[in-house]
Amino acid sequence: MVQAIQSRQMSFQEFLIWKPDTGCYELHDGVIIEMQPTGPHEQVVGLLNRKLNVLIDQEGFNYFIPNTAMLQPLMDDTGYKPDLLMIDTAALVNEPLWSKESVITLGQSVKLAVEVVSTNWPDDYARKFEDYEAMGIQEYWIVDYKGLGGRRYIGTPKQPTVTVCHLVNGLYETQLFRQSSSLISPSFPGFQLATDTIFAYK
């Protein structure tokens, strides 16, 4: 669930100054959006966080998953707090805001972005899809564990779906994973996860 909590537009820098230490907020075209995730949503995020941290350890990647980092796409009045980010530690030297603000501005710093779908599903399937693609983020997962997305994105009949978006020549190619299958990542061939494990949360 999301809720706009003010009407006056602000810049991303103003948003960073305003943003409280508790709660989850994003900035969409200058408007503050309060994110209000449900318990099952948090369980799915926790599952993916745990599995991906195991992958990082097993493969010896110099990556990490931050708790509160934000993404600033190419617009000055927008900032996102993805449900999960996998960051390349070595790339942080090129990030202008990281040391003071915990903000990622360069797509090449991100190995994976994950959004777990809730009632604001158009943001995940359209707005963030386009922004993450434009940033050059290598891989983006849209985890629609309740099958909330529009039929143009997840098909008919609507059903729980994980959409894996992989950047190829600057554009996302997508693959859909539904029930009774294994989620496979083009960027991380050593990672596999049964989709039914994700879809068990309701």
N, C-alpha and C. Protein backbone atom coordinates (compact mmCIF):
# COMPACT_ATOMS: atom_id res chain seq x y z
N MET A 1 0.84 -1.19 0.00
CA MET A 1 0.00 0.00 0.00
C MET A 1 0.88 1.24 0.00
N VAL A 2 0.47 2.26 -0.73
CA VAL A 2 1.22 3.51 -0.78
C VAL A 2 0.28 4.67 -0.51
N GLN A 3 0.84 5.76 -0.04
CA GLN A 3 0.03 6.94 0.26
C GLN A 3 0.87 8.19 0.06
N ALA A 4 0.36 9.13 -0.74
CA ALA A 4 1.01 10.43 -0.89
C ALA A 4 0.75 11.25 0.36
N ILE A 5 1.81 11.86 0.94
CA ILE A 5 1.62 12.52 2.22
C ILE A 5 1.85 14.03 2.14
N GLN A 6 2.08 14.57 0.94
CA GLN A 6 2.17 16.03 0.79
C GLN A 6 1.91 16.38 -0.66
N SER A 7 1.61 17.63 -0.89
CA SER A 7 1.28 18.05 -2.25
C SER A 7 2.34 18.98 -2.84
N ARG A 8 3.13 19.63 -1.98
CA ARG A 8 4.16 20.53 -2.50
C ARG A 8 5.30 19.71 -3.07
N GLN A 9 5.70 20.01 -4.28
CA GLN A 9 6.79 19.27 -4.88
C GLN A 9 8.12 19.65 -4.24
N MET A 10 9.02 18.69 -4.17
CA MET A 10 10.36 18.97 -3.65
C MET A 10 11.39 18.23 -4.49
N SER A 11 12.62 18.69 -4.40
CA SER A 11 13.71 18.03 -5.11
C SER A 11 14.17 16.82 -4.30
N PHE A 12 14.98 15.99 -4.93
CA PHE A 12 15.50 14.82 -4.23
C PHE A 12 16.38 15.24 -3.07
N GLN A 13 17.17 16.27 -3.22
CA GLN A 13 18.02 16.74 -2.12
C GLN A 13 17.17 17.23 -0.95
N GLU A 14 16.09 17.93 -1.23
CA GLU A 14 15.17 18.35 -0.16
C GLU A 14 14.55 17.14 0.52
N PHE A 15 14.22 16.13 -0.28
CA PHE A 15 13.64 14.90 0.27
C PHE A 15 14.62 14.22 1.22
N LEU A 16 15.90 14.15 0.86
CA LEU A 16 16.89 13.52 1.73
C LEU A 16 17.00 14.24 3.06
N ILE A 17 16.89 15.56 3.04
CA ILE A 17 16.94 16.33 4.29
C ILE A 17 15.69 16.07 5.12
N TRP A 18 14.54 15.97 4.46
CA TRP A 18 13.27 15.76 5.15
C TRP A 18 13.12 14.34 5.69
N LYS A 19 13.61 13.34 4.97
CA LYS A 19 13.30 11.93 5.22
C LYS A 19 13.62 11.53 6.65
N PRO A 20 12.63 11.02 7.40
CA PRO A 20 12.88 10.58 8.77
C PRO A 20 13.65 9.26 8.80
N ASP A 21 14.17 8.93 9.98
CA ASP A 21 14.96 7.71 10.14
C ASP A 21 14.10 6.46 10.16
N THR A 22 12.84 6.60 10.50
CA THR A 22 11.94 5.45 10.54
C THR A 22 10.91 5.58 9.42
N GLY A 23 10.35 4.44 9.03
CA GLY A 23 9.38 4.44 7.95
C GLY A 23 10.06 4.28 6.60
N CYS A 24 9.26 4.03 5.59
CA CYS A 24 9.77 3.82 4.23
C CYS A 24 9.10 4.80 3.29
N TYR A 25 9.90 5.63 2.65
CA TYR A 25 9.38 6.69 1.80
C TYR A 25 10.12 6.71 0.47
N GLU A 26 9.40 7.12 -0.58
CA GLU A 26 9.99 7.36 -1.87
C GLU A 26 9.54 8.74 -2.35
N LEU A 27 10.23 9.23 -3.37
CA LEU A 27 9.86 10.51 -3.98
C LEU A 27 9.54 10.25 -5.44
N HIS A 28 8.28 10.54 -5.83
CA HIS A 28 7.84 10.33 -7.20
C HIS A 28 7.47 11.67 -7.82
N ASP A 29 8.27 12.14 -8.75
CA ASP A 29 8.00 13.42 -9.42
C ASP A 29 7.77 14.54 -8.41
N GLY A 30 8.59 14.58 -7.37
CA GLY A 30 8.52 15.64 -6.39
C GLY A 30 7.52 15.43 -5.27
N VAL A 31 6.77 14.33 -5.28
CA VAL A 31 5.76 14.05 -4.27
C VAL A 31 6.24 12.91 -3.37
N ILE A 32 6.18 13.12 -2.06
CA ILE A 32 6.59 12.09 -1.11
C ILE A 32 5.53 11.00 -1.06
N ILE A 33 5.99 9.76 -1.18
CA ILE A 33 5.11 8.60 -1.11
C ILE A 33 5.52 7.76 0.09
N GLU A 34 4.55 7.49 0.97
CA GLU A 34 4.83 6.60 2.10
C GLU A 34 4.49 5.17 1.71
N MET A 35 5.48 4.28 1.82
CA MET A 35 5.28 2.87 1.51
C MET A 35 4.84 2.16 2.79
N GLN A 36 3.79 1.35 2.70
CA GLN A 36 3.26 0.66 3.86
C GLN A 36 3.15 -0.83 3.56
N PRO A 37 4.27 -1.55 3.60
CA PRO A 37 4.25 -2.97 3.23
C PRO A 37 3.49 -3.82 4.24
N THR A 38 2.89 -4.89 3.74
CA THR A 38 2.19 -5.84 4.59
C THR A 38 3.19 -6.85 5.17
N GLY A 39 2.71 -7.66 6.12
CA GLY A 39 3.56 -8.70 6.69
C GLY A 39 4.04 -9.72 5.65
N PRO A 40 3.14 -10.29 4.82
CA PRO A 40 3.60 -11.23 3.79
C PRO A 40 4.61 -10.61 2.83
N HIS A 41 4.41 -9.35 2.47
CA HIS A 41 5.37 -8.64 1.62
C HIS A 41 6.75 -8.66 2.27
N GLU A 42 6.81 -8.38 3.57
CA GLU A 42 8.09 -8.37 4.27
C GLU A 42 8.69 -9.77 4.36
N GLN A 43 7.85 -10.79 4.46
CA GLN A 43 8.34 -12.17 4.49
C GLN A 43 9.01 -12.55 3.16
N VAL A 44 8.41 -12.13 2.06
CA VAL A 44 9.00 -12.41 0.74
C VAL A 44 10.34 -11.69 0.61
N VAL A 45 10.38 -10.43 1.02
CA VAL A 45 11.64 -9.68 0.97
C VAL A 45 12.70 -10.37 1.82
N GLY A 46 12.31 -10.81 3.02
CA GLY A 46 13.26 -11.50 3.90
C GLY A 46 13.79 -12.79 3.30
N LEU A 47 12.91 -13.56 2.66
CA LEU A 47 13.32 -14.80 2.00
C LEU A 47 14.35 -14.52 0.91
N LEU A 48 14.06 -13.57 0.04
CA LEU A 48 14.98 -13.27 -1.06
C LEU A 48 16.30 -12.71 -0.54
N ASN A 49 16.23 -11.87 0.49
CA ASN A 49 17.44 -11.32 1.09
C ASN A 49 18.34 -12.44 1.61
N ARG A 50 17.74 -13.38 2.31
CA ARG A 50 18.50 -14.50 2.88
C ARG A 50 19.14 -15.37 1.78
N LYS A 51 18.36 -15.71 0.77
CA LYS A 51 18.87 -16.56 -0.31
C LYS A 51 19.97 -15.87 -1.10
N LEU A 52 19.82 -14.58 -1.34
CA LEU A 52 20.83 -13.86 -2.13
C LEU A 52 22.09 -13.61 -1.32
N ASN A 53 21.98 -13.43 -0.02
CA ASN A 53 23.18 -13.30 0.81
C ASN A 53 23.97 -14.61 0.84
N VAL A 54 23.26 -15.73 0.84
CA VAL A 54 23.94 -17.03 0.75
C VAL A 54 24.68 -17.14 -0.57
N LEU A 55 24.05 -16.71 -1.67
CA LEU A 55 24.70 -16.72 -2.97
C LEU A 55 25.98 -15.88 -2.97
N ILE A 56 25.91 -14.69 -2.39
CA ILE A 56 27.08 -13.82 -2.33
C ILE A 56 28.23 -14.52 -1.61
N ASP A 57 27.93 -15.17 -0.49
CA ASP A 57 28.97 -15.87 0.27
C ASP A 57 29.51 -17.06 -0.50
N GLN A 58 28.63 -17.85 -1.09
CA GLN A 58 29.06 -19.06 -1.79
C GLN A 58 29.92 -18.74 -3.01
N GLU A 59 29.57 -17.68 -3.72
CA GLU A 59 30.30 -17.33 -4.94
C GLU A 59 31.49 -16.41 -4.68
N GLY A 60 31.60 -15.90 -3.45
CA GLY A 60 32.71 -15.01 -3.13
C GLY A 60 32.62 -13.67 -3.82
N PHE A 61 31.39 -13.21 -4.09
CA PHE A 61 31.21 -11.91 -4.75
C PHE A 61 31.57 -10.77 -3.81
N ASN A 62 32.13 -9.71 -4.36
CA ASN A 62 32.39 -8.49 -3.58
C ASN A 62 31.17 -7.58 -3.66
N TYR A 63 30.02 -8.14 -3.29
CA TYR A 63 28.74 -7.44 -3.33
C TYR A 63 28.14 -7.43 -1.92
N PHE A 64 27.17 -6.57 -1.71
CA PHE A 64 26.44 -6.57 -0.45
C PHE A 64 25.03 -6.06 -0.68
N ILE A 65 24.14 -6.33 0.29
CA ILE A 65 22.75 -5.91 0.23
C ILE A 65 22.52 -4.92 1.36
N PRO A 66 22.40 -3.62 1.05
CA PRO A 66 22.20 -2.61 2.10
C PRO A 66 20.78 -2.64 2.65
N ASN A 67 20.62 -2.07 3.82
CA ASN A 67 19.30 -2.05 4.47
C ASN A 67 18.45 -0.87 4.03
N THR A 68 19.06 0.30 3.84
CA THR A 68 18.27 1.51 3.65
C THR A 68 18.67 2.34 2.42
N ALA A 69 19.52 1.83 1.57
CA ALA A 69 20.00 2.62 0.43
C ALA A 69 18.86 2.97 -0.51
N MET A 70 19.00 4.15 -1.14
CA MET A 70 18.03 4.60 -2.12
C MET A 70 18.68 4.70 -3.50
N LEU A 71 17.84 4.66 -4.52
CA LEU A 71 18.27 4.86 -5.90
C LEU A 71 17.74 6.20 -6.38
N GLN A 72 18.61 6.98 -7.00
CA GLN A 72 18.15 8.19 -7.67
C GLN A 72 18.31 7.97 -9.17
N PRO A 73 17.18 7.85 -9.89
CA PRO A 73 17.28 7.73 -11.34
C PRO A 73 17.71 9.04 -11.97
N LEU A 74 17.48 9.19 -13.25
CA LEU A 74 18.04 10.32 -13.97
C LEU A 74 17.33 11.64 -13.67
N MET A 75 16.18 11.59 -12.99
CA MET A 75 15.43 12.80 -12.69
C MET A 75 15.83 13.34 -11.31
N ASP A 76 15.79 14.66 -11.16
CA ASP A 76 16.20 15.29 -9.90
C ASP A 76 15.10 15.27 -8.86
N ASP A 77 13.85 14.92 -9.25
CA ASP A 77 12.75 14.97 -8.30
C ASP A 77 12.18 13.60 -7.99
N THR A 78 13.00 12.56 -8.15
CA THR A 78 12.55 11.18 -7.94
C THR A 78 13.63 10.39 -7.22
N GLY A 79 13.21 9.56 -6.27
CA GLY A 79 14.11 8.65 -5.57
C GLY A 79 13.35 7.43 -5.11
N TYR A 80 13.93 6.25 -5.32
CA TYR A 80 13.27 4.99 -5.00
C TYR A 80 14.00 4.26 -3.86
N LYS A 81 13.22 3.52 -3.08
CA LYS A 81 13.77 2.61 -2.08
C LYS A 81 13.36 1.20 -2.47
N PRO A 82 14.18 0.54 -3.33
CA PRO A 82 13.81 -0.82 -3.76
C PRO A 82 13.71 -1.76 -2.56
N ASP A 83 12.91 -2.80 -2.74
CA ASP A 83 12.79 -3.78 -1.66
C ASP A 83 14.10 -4.49 -1.41
N LEU A 84 14.92 -4.62 -2.45
CA LEU A 84 16.23 -5.25 -2.29
C LEU A 84 17.17 -4.72 -3.37
N LEU A 85 18.38 -4.40 -2.97
CA LEU A 85 19.44 -3.99 -3.88
C LEU A 85 20.68 -4.82 -3.61
N MET A 86 21.31 -5.29 -4.66
CA MET A 86 22.61 -5.91 -4.54
C MET A 86 23.63 -4.96 -5.18
N ILE A 87 24.58 -4.52 -4.37
CA ILE A 87 25.51 -3.47 -4.78
C ILE A 87 26.92 -4.04 -4.95
N ASP A 88 27.60 -3.58 -5.99
CA ASP A 88 29.00 -3.91 -6.22
C ASP A 88 29.85 -2.99 -5.36
N THR A 89 30.50 -3.55 -4.36
CA THR A 89 31.27 -2.75 -3.41
C THR A 89 32.35 -1.92 -4.11
N ALA A 90 33.01 -2.52 -5.10
CA ALA A 90 34.11 -1.83 -5.79
C ALA A 90 33.63 -0.60 -6.55
N ALA A 91 32.35 -0.58 -6.93
CA ALA A 91 31.83 0.53 -7.73
C ALA A 91 31.51 1.76 -6.89
N LEU A 92 31.48 1.62 -5.58
CA LEU A 92 31.07 2.73 -4.73
C LEU A 92 32.03 3.92 -4.79
N VAL A 93 33.27 3.68 -5.20
CA VAL A 93 34.23 4.78 -5.31
C VAL A 93 33.76 5.83 -6.31
N ASN A 94 32.90 5.44 -7.24
CA ASN A 94 32.40 6.37 -8.27
C ASN A 94 31.06 7.00 -7.91
N GLU A 95 30.51 6.62 -6.76
CA GLU A 95 29.19 7.12 -6.37
C GLU A 95 29.33 8.44 -5.61
N PRO A 96 28.82 9.55 -6.15
CA PRO A 96 29.03 10.86 -5.53
C PRO A 96 28.31 11.07 -4.21
N LEU A 97 27.20 10.36 -3.97
CA LEU A 97 26.41 10.61 -2.76
C LEU A 97 26.54 9.51 -1.71
N TRP A 98 27.25 8.43 -2.03
CA TRP A 98 27.22 7.26 -1.15
C TRP A 98 27.77 7.54 0.25
N SER A 99 28.90 8.19 0.35
CA SER A 99 29.57 8.32 1.64
C SER A 99 28.77 9.16 2.63
N LYS A 100 27.91 10.06 2.13
CA LYS A 100 27.15 10.93 3.03
C LYS A 100 25.67 10.60 3.09
N GLU A 101 25.12 10.05 2.01
CA GLU A 101 23.67 9.92 1.93
C GLU A 101 23.16 8.50 1.72
N SER A 102 24.01 7.52 1.51
CA SER A 102 23.57 6.16 1.22
C SER A 102 22.63 6.13 0.01
N VAL A 103 23.07 6.82 -1.07
CA VAL A 103 22.28 6.92 -2.29
C VAL A 103 23.12 6.42 -3.46
N ILE A 104 22.48 5.61 -4.31
CA ILE A 104 23.11 5.09 -5.52
C ILE A 104 22.55 5.86 -6.72
N THR A 105 23.44 6.40 -7.55
CA THR A 105 23.02 7.17 -8.72
C THR A 105 23.43 6.52 -10.04
N LEU A 106 24.33 5.54 -9.99
CA LEU A 106 24.88 4.93 -11.21
C LEU A 106 24.39 3.49 -11.34
N GLY A 107 23.80 3.20 -12.47
CA GLY A 107 23.26 1.86 -12.68
C GLY A 107 24.31 0.77 -12.60
N GLN A 108 25.55 1.07 -13.01
CA GLN A 108 26.59 0.03 -12.99
C GLN A 108 26.99 -0.39 -11.59
N SER A 109 26.59 0.39 -10.59
CA SER A 109 26.86 0.00 -9.20
C SER A 109 25.93 -1.11 -8.72
N VAL A 110 24.82 -1.29 -9.42
CA VAL A 110 23.76 -2.22 -8.98
C VAL A 110 23.85 -3.50 -9.80
N LYS A 111 24.03 -4.62 -9.11
CA LYS A 111 24.03 -5.92 -9.77
C LYS A 111 22.62 -6.48 -9.89
N LEU A 112 21.73 -6.08 -8.95
CA LEU A 112 20.36 -6.58 -8.96
C LEU A 112 19.48 -5.63 -8.17
N ALA A 113 18.31 -5.30 -8.72
CA ALA A 113 17.26 -4.58 -8.00
C ALA A 113 16.02 -5.46 -7.98
N VAL A 114 15.34 -5.48 -6.84
CA VAL A 114 14.14 -6.31 -6.68
C VAL A 114 13.02 -5.45 -6.12
N GLU A 115 11.86 -5.53 -6.75
CA GLU A 115 10.65 -4.93 -6.21
C GLU A 115 9.62 -6.04 -5.99
N VAL A 116 9.10 -6.10 -4.77
CA VAL A 116 8.04 -7.05 -4.44
C VAL A 116 6.72 -6.30 -4.59
N VAL A 117 5.84 -6.82 -5.44
CA VAL A 117 4.66 -6.10 -5.88
C VAL A 117 3.62 -6.01 -4.77
N SER A 118 3.02 -4.82 -4.65
CA SER A 118 1.86 -4.62 -3.79
C SER A 118 0.82 -3.86 -4.59
N THR A 119 -0.05 -3.10 -3.93
CA THR A 119 -1.15 -2.46 -4.65
C THR A 119 -0.68 -1.39 -5.63
N ASN A 120 0.56 -0.94 -5.48
CA ASN A 120 1.10 0.06 -6.43
C ASN A 120 1.83 -0.62 -7.58
N TRP A 121 1.28 -1.73 -8.06
CA TRP A 121 1.96 -2.53 -9.07
C TRP A 121 2.29 -1.76 -10.35
N PRO A 122 1.52 -0.74 -10.78
CA PRO A 122 1.94 -0.03 -12.00
C PRO A 122 3.32 0.61 -11.89
N ASP A 123 3.70 1.03 -10.67
CA ASP A 123 5.04 1.60 -10.49
C ASP A 123 6.11 0.57 -10.81
N ASP A 124 5.92 -0.67 -10.33
CA ASP A 124 6.94 -1.70 -10.52
C ASP A 124 7.03 -2.16 -11.97
N TYR A 125 5.90 -2.31 -12.63
CA TYR A 125 5.87 -2.85 -13.99
C TYR A 125 6.16 -1.80 -15.07
N ALA A 126 5.90 -0.55 -14.80
CA ALA A 126 6.06 0.48 -15.83
C ALA A 126 7.09 1.52 -15.43
N ARG A 127 6.78 2.29 -14.41
CA ARG A 127 7.63 3.41 -14.02
C ARG A 127 9.05 2.96 -13.65
N LYS A 128 9.16 2.03 -12.72
CA LYS A 128 10.49 1.60 -12.28
C LYS A 128 11.18 0.75 -13.34
N PHE A 129 10.42 -0.03 -14.07
CA PHE A 129 10.98 -0.77 -15.20
C PHE A 129 11.72 0.17 -16.14
N GLU A 130 11.06 1.25 -16.52
CA GLU A 130 11.67 2.21 -17.46
C GLU A 130 12.86 2.94 -16.83
N ASP A 131 12.72 3.34 -15.56
CA ASP A 131 13.80 4.08 -14.91
C ASP A 131 15.03 3.20 -14.65
N TYR A 132 14.80 1.97 -14.21
CA TYR A 132 15.94 1.07 -13.96
C TYR A 132 16.63 0.70 -15.26
N GLU A 133 15.85 0.52 -16.31
CA GLU A 133 16.42 0.26 -17.63
C GLU A 133 17.25 1.44 -18.10
N ALA A 134 16.72 2.65 -17.94
CA ALA A 134 17.43 3.86 -18.37
C ALA A 134 18.71 4.06 -17.57
N MET A 135 18.70 3.69 -16.29
CA MET A 135 19.90 3.79 -15.46
C MET A 135 20.97 2.79 -15.87
N GLY A 136 20.56 1.71 -16.55
CA GLY A 136 21.50 0.67 -16.93
C GLY A 136 21.70 -0.38 -15.84
N ILE A 137 20.68 -0.59 -15.00
CA ILE A 137 20.77 -1.63 -13.97
C ILE A 137 20.71 -2.99 -14.64
N GLN A 138 21.69 -3.81 -14.35
CA GLN A 138 21.91 -5.06 -15.06
C GLN A 138 20.73 -6.02 -14.99
N GLU A 139 20.12 -6.15 -13.81
CA GLU A 139 19.02 -7.11 -13.67
C GLU A 139 18.00 -6.58 -12.67
N TYR A 140 16.74 -6.79 -12.99
CA TYR A 140 15.63 -6.29 -12.19
C TYR A 140 14.58 -7.38 -12.09
N TRP A 141 14.19 -7.73 -10.85
CA TRP A 141 13.14 -8.72 -10.63
C TRP A 141 11.88 -8.03 -10.14
N ILE A 142 10.75 -8.39 -10.73
CA ILE A 142 9.44 -7.94 -10.27
C ILE A 142 8.76 -9.18 -9.67
N VAL A 143 8.66 -9.20 -8.36
CA VAL A 143 8.18 -10.39 -7.65
C VAL A 143 6.72 -10.16 -7.28
N ASP A 144 5.82 -10.69 -8.11
CA ASP A 144 4.38 -10.49 -7.97
C ASP A 144 3.79 -11.75 -7.34
N TYR A 145 4.01 -11.91 -6.03
CA TYR A 145 3.67 -13.16 -5.36
C TYR A 145 2.16 -13.37 -5.20
N LYS A 146 1.37 -12.32 -5.41
CA LYS A 146 -0.09 -12.46 -5.34
C LYS A 146 -0.76 -12.37 -6.71
N GLY A 147 0.00 -12.13 -7.75
CA GLY A 147 -0.59 -12.00 -9.08
C GLY A 147 -1.46 -10.76 -9.20
N LEU A 148 -0.96 -9.62 -8.73
CA LEU A 148 -1.72 -8.38 -8.73
C LEU A 148 -1.57 -7.58 -10.03
N GLY A 149 -0.50 -7.79 -10.76
CA GLY A 149 -0.19 -6.98 -11.93
C GLY A 149 -1.22 -7.09 -13.04
N GLY A 150 -1.18 -6.13 -13.95
CA GLY A 150 -2.10 -6.13 -15.07
C GLY A 150 -1.87 -7.32 -16.00
N ARG A 151 -2.92 -7.69 -16.73
CA ARG A 151 -2.85 -8.86 -17.61
C ARG A 151 -1.82 -8.68 -18.72
N ARG A 152 -1.55 -7.44 -19.12
CA ARG A 152 -0.56 -7.22 -20.16
C ARG A 152 0.84 -7.59 -19.69
N TYR A 153 1.03 -7.64 -18.35
CA TYR A 153 2.34 -7.97 -17.79
C TYR A 153 2.45 -9.43 -17.35
N ILE A 154 1.36 -9.99 -16.79
CA ILE A 154 1.47 -11.35 -16.25
C ILE A 154 0.54 -12.34 -16.95
N GLY A 155 -0.22 -11.88 -17.94
CA GLY A 155 -1.02 -12.79 -18.73
C GLY A 155 -2.40 -13.07 -18.13
N THR A 156 -3.14 -13.93 -18.85
CA THR A 156 -4.49 -14.33 -18.45
C THR A 156 -4.55 -15.85 -18.39
N PRO A 157 -5.08 -16.44 -17.33
CA PRO A 157 -5.57 -15.77 -16.11
C PRO A 157 -4.40 -15.22 -15.29
N LYS A 158 -4.68 -14.18 -14.51
CA LYS A 158 -3.65 -13.61 -13.65
C LYS A 158 -3.25 -14.64 -12.60
N GLN A 159 -1.95 -14.73 -12.37
CA GLN A 159 -1.44 -15.69 -11.39
C GLN A 159 -0.10 -15.18 -10.86
N PRO A 160 0.33 -15.70 -9.71
CA PRO A 160 1.63 -15.27 -9.16
C PRO A 160 2.73 -15.45 -10.20
N THR A 161 3.57 -14.43 -10.32
CA THR A 161 4.59 -14.40 -11.38
C THR A 161 5.81 -13.64 -10.90
N VAL A 162 6.98 -14.15 -11.22
CA VAL A 162 8.22 -13.39 -11.06
C VAL A 162 8.72 -13.05 -12.46
N THR A 163 8.89 -11.76 -12.72
CA THR A 163 9.41 -11.30 -14.00
C THR A 163 10.87 -10.92 -13.82
N VAL A 164 11.74 -11.60 -14.53
CA VAL A 164 13.17 -11.32 -14.49
C VAL A 164 13.52 -10.50 -15.72
N CYS A 165 14.01 -9.29 -15.48
CA CYS A 165 14.38 -8.36 -16.55
C CYS A 165 15.91 -8.28 -16.61
N HIS A 166 16.47 -8.60 -17.73
CA HIS A 166 17.93 -8.63 -17.90
C HIS A 166 18.32 -7.68 -19.01
N LEU A 167 19.30 -6.82 -18.73
CA LEU A 167 19.70 -5.78 -19.68
C LEU A 167 20.53 -6.37 -20.81
N VAL A 168 20.06 -6.19 -22.03
CA VAL A 168 20.77 -6.65 -23.24
C VAL A 168 20.78 -5.49 -24.23
N ASN A 169 21.98 -5.00 -24.54
CA ASN A 169 22.13 -3.87 -25.46
C ASN A 169 21.28 -2.67 -25.04
N GLY A 170 21.26 -2.42 -23.73
CA GLY A 170 20.59 -1.25 -23.21
C GLY A 170 19.10 -1.37 -22.98
N LEU A 171 18.52 -2.54 -23.31
CA LEU A 171 17.09 -2.75 -23.13
C LEU A 171 16.85 -4.02 -22.33
N TYR A 172 15.76 -4.02 -21.55
CA TYR A 172 15.44 -5.21 -20.77
C TYR A 172 14.76 -6.27 -21.62
N GLU A 173 15.30 -7.49 -21.54
CA GLU A 173 14.60 -8.67 -22.02
C GLU A 173 13.99 -9.35 -20.80
N THR A 174 12.75 -9.81 -20.92
CA THR A 174 12.04 -10.34 -19.76
C THR A 174 11.73 -11.82 -19.91
N GLN A 175 11.73 -12.49 -18.77
CA GLN A 175 11.31 -13.88 -18.70
C GLN A 175 10.41 -14.04 -17.50
N LEU A 176 9.27 -14.72 -17.70
CA LEU A 176 8.29 -14.89 -16.64
C LEU A 176 8.40 -16.28 -16.03
N PHE A 177 8.38 -16.32 -14.70
CA PHE A 177 8.42 -17.58 -13.96
C PHE A 177 7.15 -17.68 -13.12
N ARG A 178 6.42 -18.77 -13.31
CA ARG A 178 5.16 -18.94 -12.60
C ARG A 178 5.26 -20.13 -11.65
N GLN A 179 4.12 -20.63 -11.20
CA GLN A 179 4.11 -21.68 -10.19
C GLN A 179 4.75 -22.97 -10.72
N SER A 180 5.31 -23.73 -9.78
CA SER A 180 5.92 -25.04 -10.07
C SER A 180 7.09 -24.92 -11.04
N SER A 181 7.85 -23.82 -10.93
CA SER A 181 9.06 -23.68 -11.73
C SER A 181 10.18 -23.18 -10.83
N SER A 182 11.36 -23.00 -11.40
CA SER A 182 12.50 -22.48 -10.66
C SER A 182 12.89 -21.12 -11.21
N LEU A 183 13.04 -20.17 -10.32
CA LEU A 183 13.51 -18.84 -10.71
C LEU A 183 14.98 -18.94 -11.07
N ILE A 184 15.32 -18.50 -12.29
CA ILE A 184 16.68 -18.56 -12.79
C ILE A 184 17.12 -17.17 -13.18
N SER A 185 18.33 -16.81 -12.78
CA SER A 185 18.86 -15.48 -13.06
C SER A 185 19.93 -15.54 -14.14
N PRO A 186 19.80 -14.74 -15.22
CA PRO A 186 20.86 -14.70 -16.23
C PRO A 186 22.19 -14.21 -15.66
N SER A 187 22.14 -13.28 -14.70
CA SER A 187 23.36 -12.73 -14.13
C SER A 187 24.02 -13.67 -13.14
N PHE A 188 23.21 -14.54 -12.51
CA PHE A 188 23.72 -15.41 -11.46
C PHE A 188 23.28 -16.85 -11.73
N PRO A 189 23.94 -17.53 -12.66
CA PRO A 189 23.51 -18.88 -13.02
C PRO A 189 23.59 -19.87 -11.87
N GLY A 190 24.34 -19.56 -10.83
CA GLY A 190 24.41 -20.44 -9.67
C GLY A 190 23.22 -20.31 -8.74
N PHE A 191 22.32 -19.38 -9.02
CA PHE A 191 21.17 -19.15 -8.16
C PHE A 191 19.92 -19.79 -8.75
N GLN A 192 19.26 -20.60 -7.95
CA GLN A 192 17.96 -21.13 -8.32
C GLN A 192 17.09 -21.17 -7.08
N LEU A 193 15.82 -20.84 -7.28
CA LEU A 193 14.87 -20.84 -6.16
C LEU A 193 13.52 -21.27 -6.70
N ALA A 194 12.90 -22.23 -6.03
CA ALA A 194 11.57 -22.69 -6.43
C ALA A 194 10.56 -21.56 -6.26
N THR A 195 9.83 -21.27 -7.31
CA THR A 195 8.86 -20.18 -7.22
C THR A 195 7.78 -20.45 -6.18
N ASP A 196 7.44 -21.72 -5.97
CA ASP A 196 6.41 -22.03 -4.98
C ASP A 196 6.82 -21.62 -3.58
N THR A 197 8.13 -21.55 -3.33
CA THR A 197 8.61 -21.07 -2.03
C THR A 197 8.24 -19.61 -1.85
N ILE A 198 8.34 -18.83 -2.92
CA ILE A 198 7.99 -17.41 -2.86
C ILE A 198 6.48 -17.24 -2.79
N PHE A 199 5.75 -18.04 -3.57
CA PHE A 199 4.31 -17.86 -3.69
C PHE A 199 3.54 -18.44 -2.50
N ALA A 200 4.24 -19.07 -1.58
CA ALA A 200 3.58 -19.63 -0.40
C ALA A 200 3.05 -18.56 0.54
N TYR A 201 3.60 -17.34 0.43
CA TYR A 201 3.18 -16.24 1.31
C TYR A 201 1.95 -15.56 0.73
N LYS A 202 0.93 -15.37 1.54
CA LYS A 202 -0.33 -14.77 1.06
C LYS A 202 -0.77 -13.64 1.99
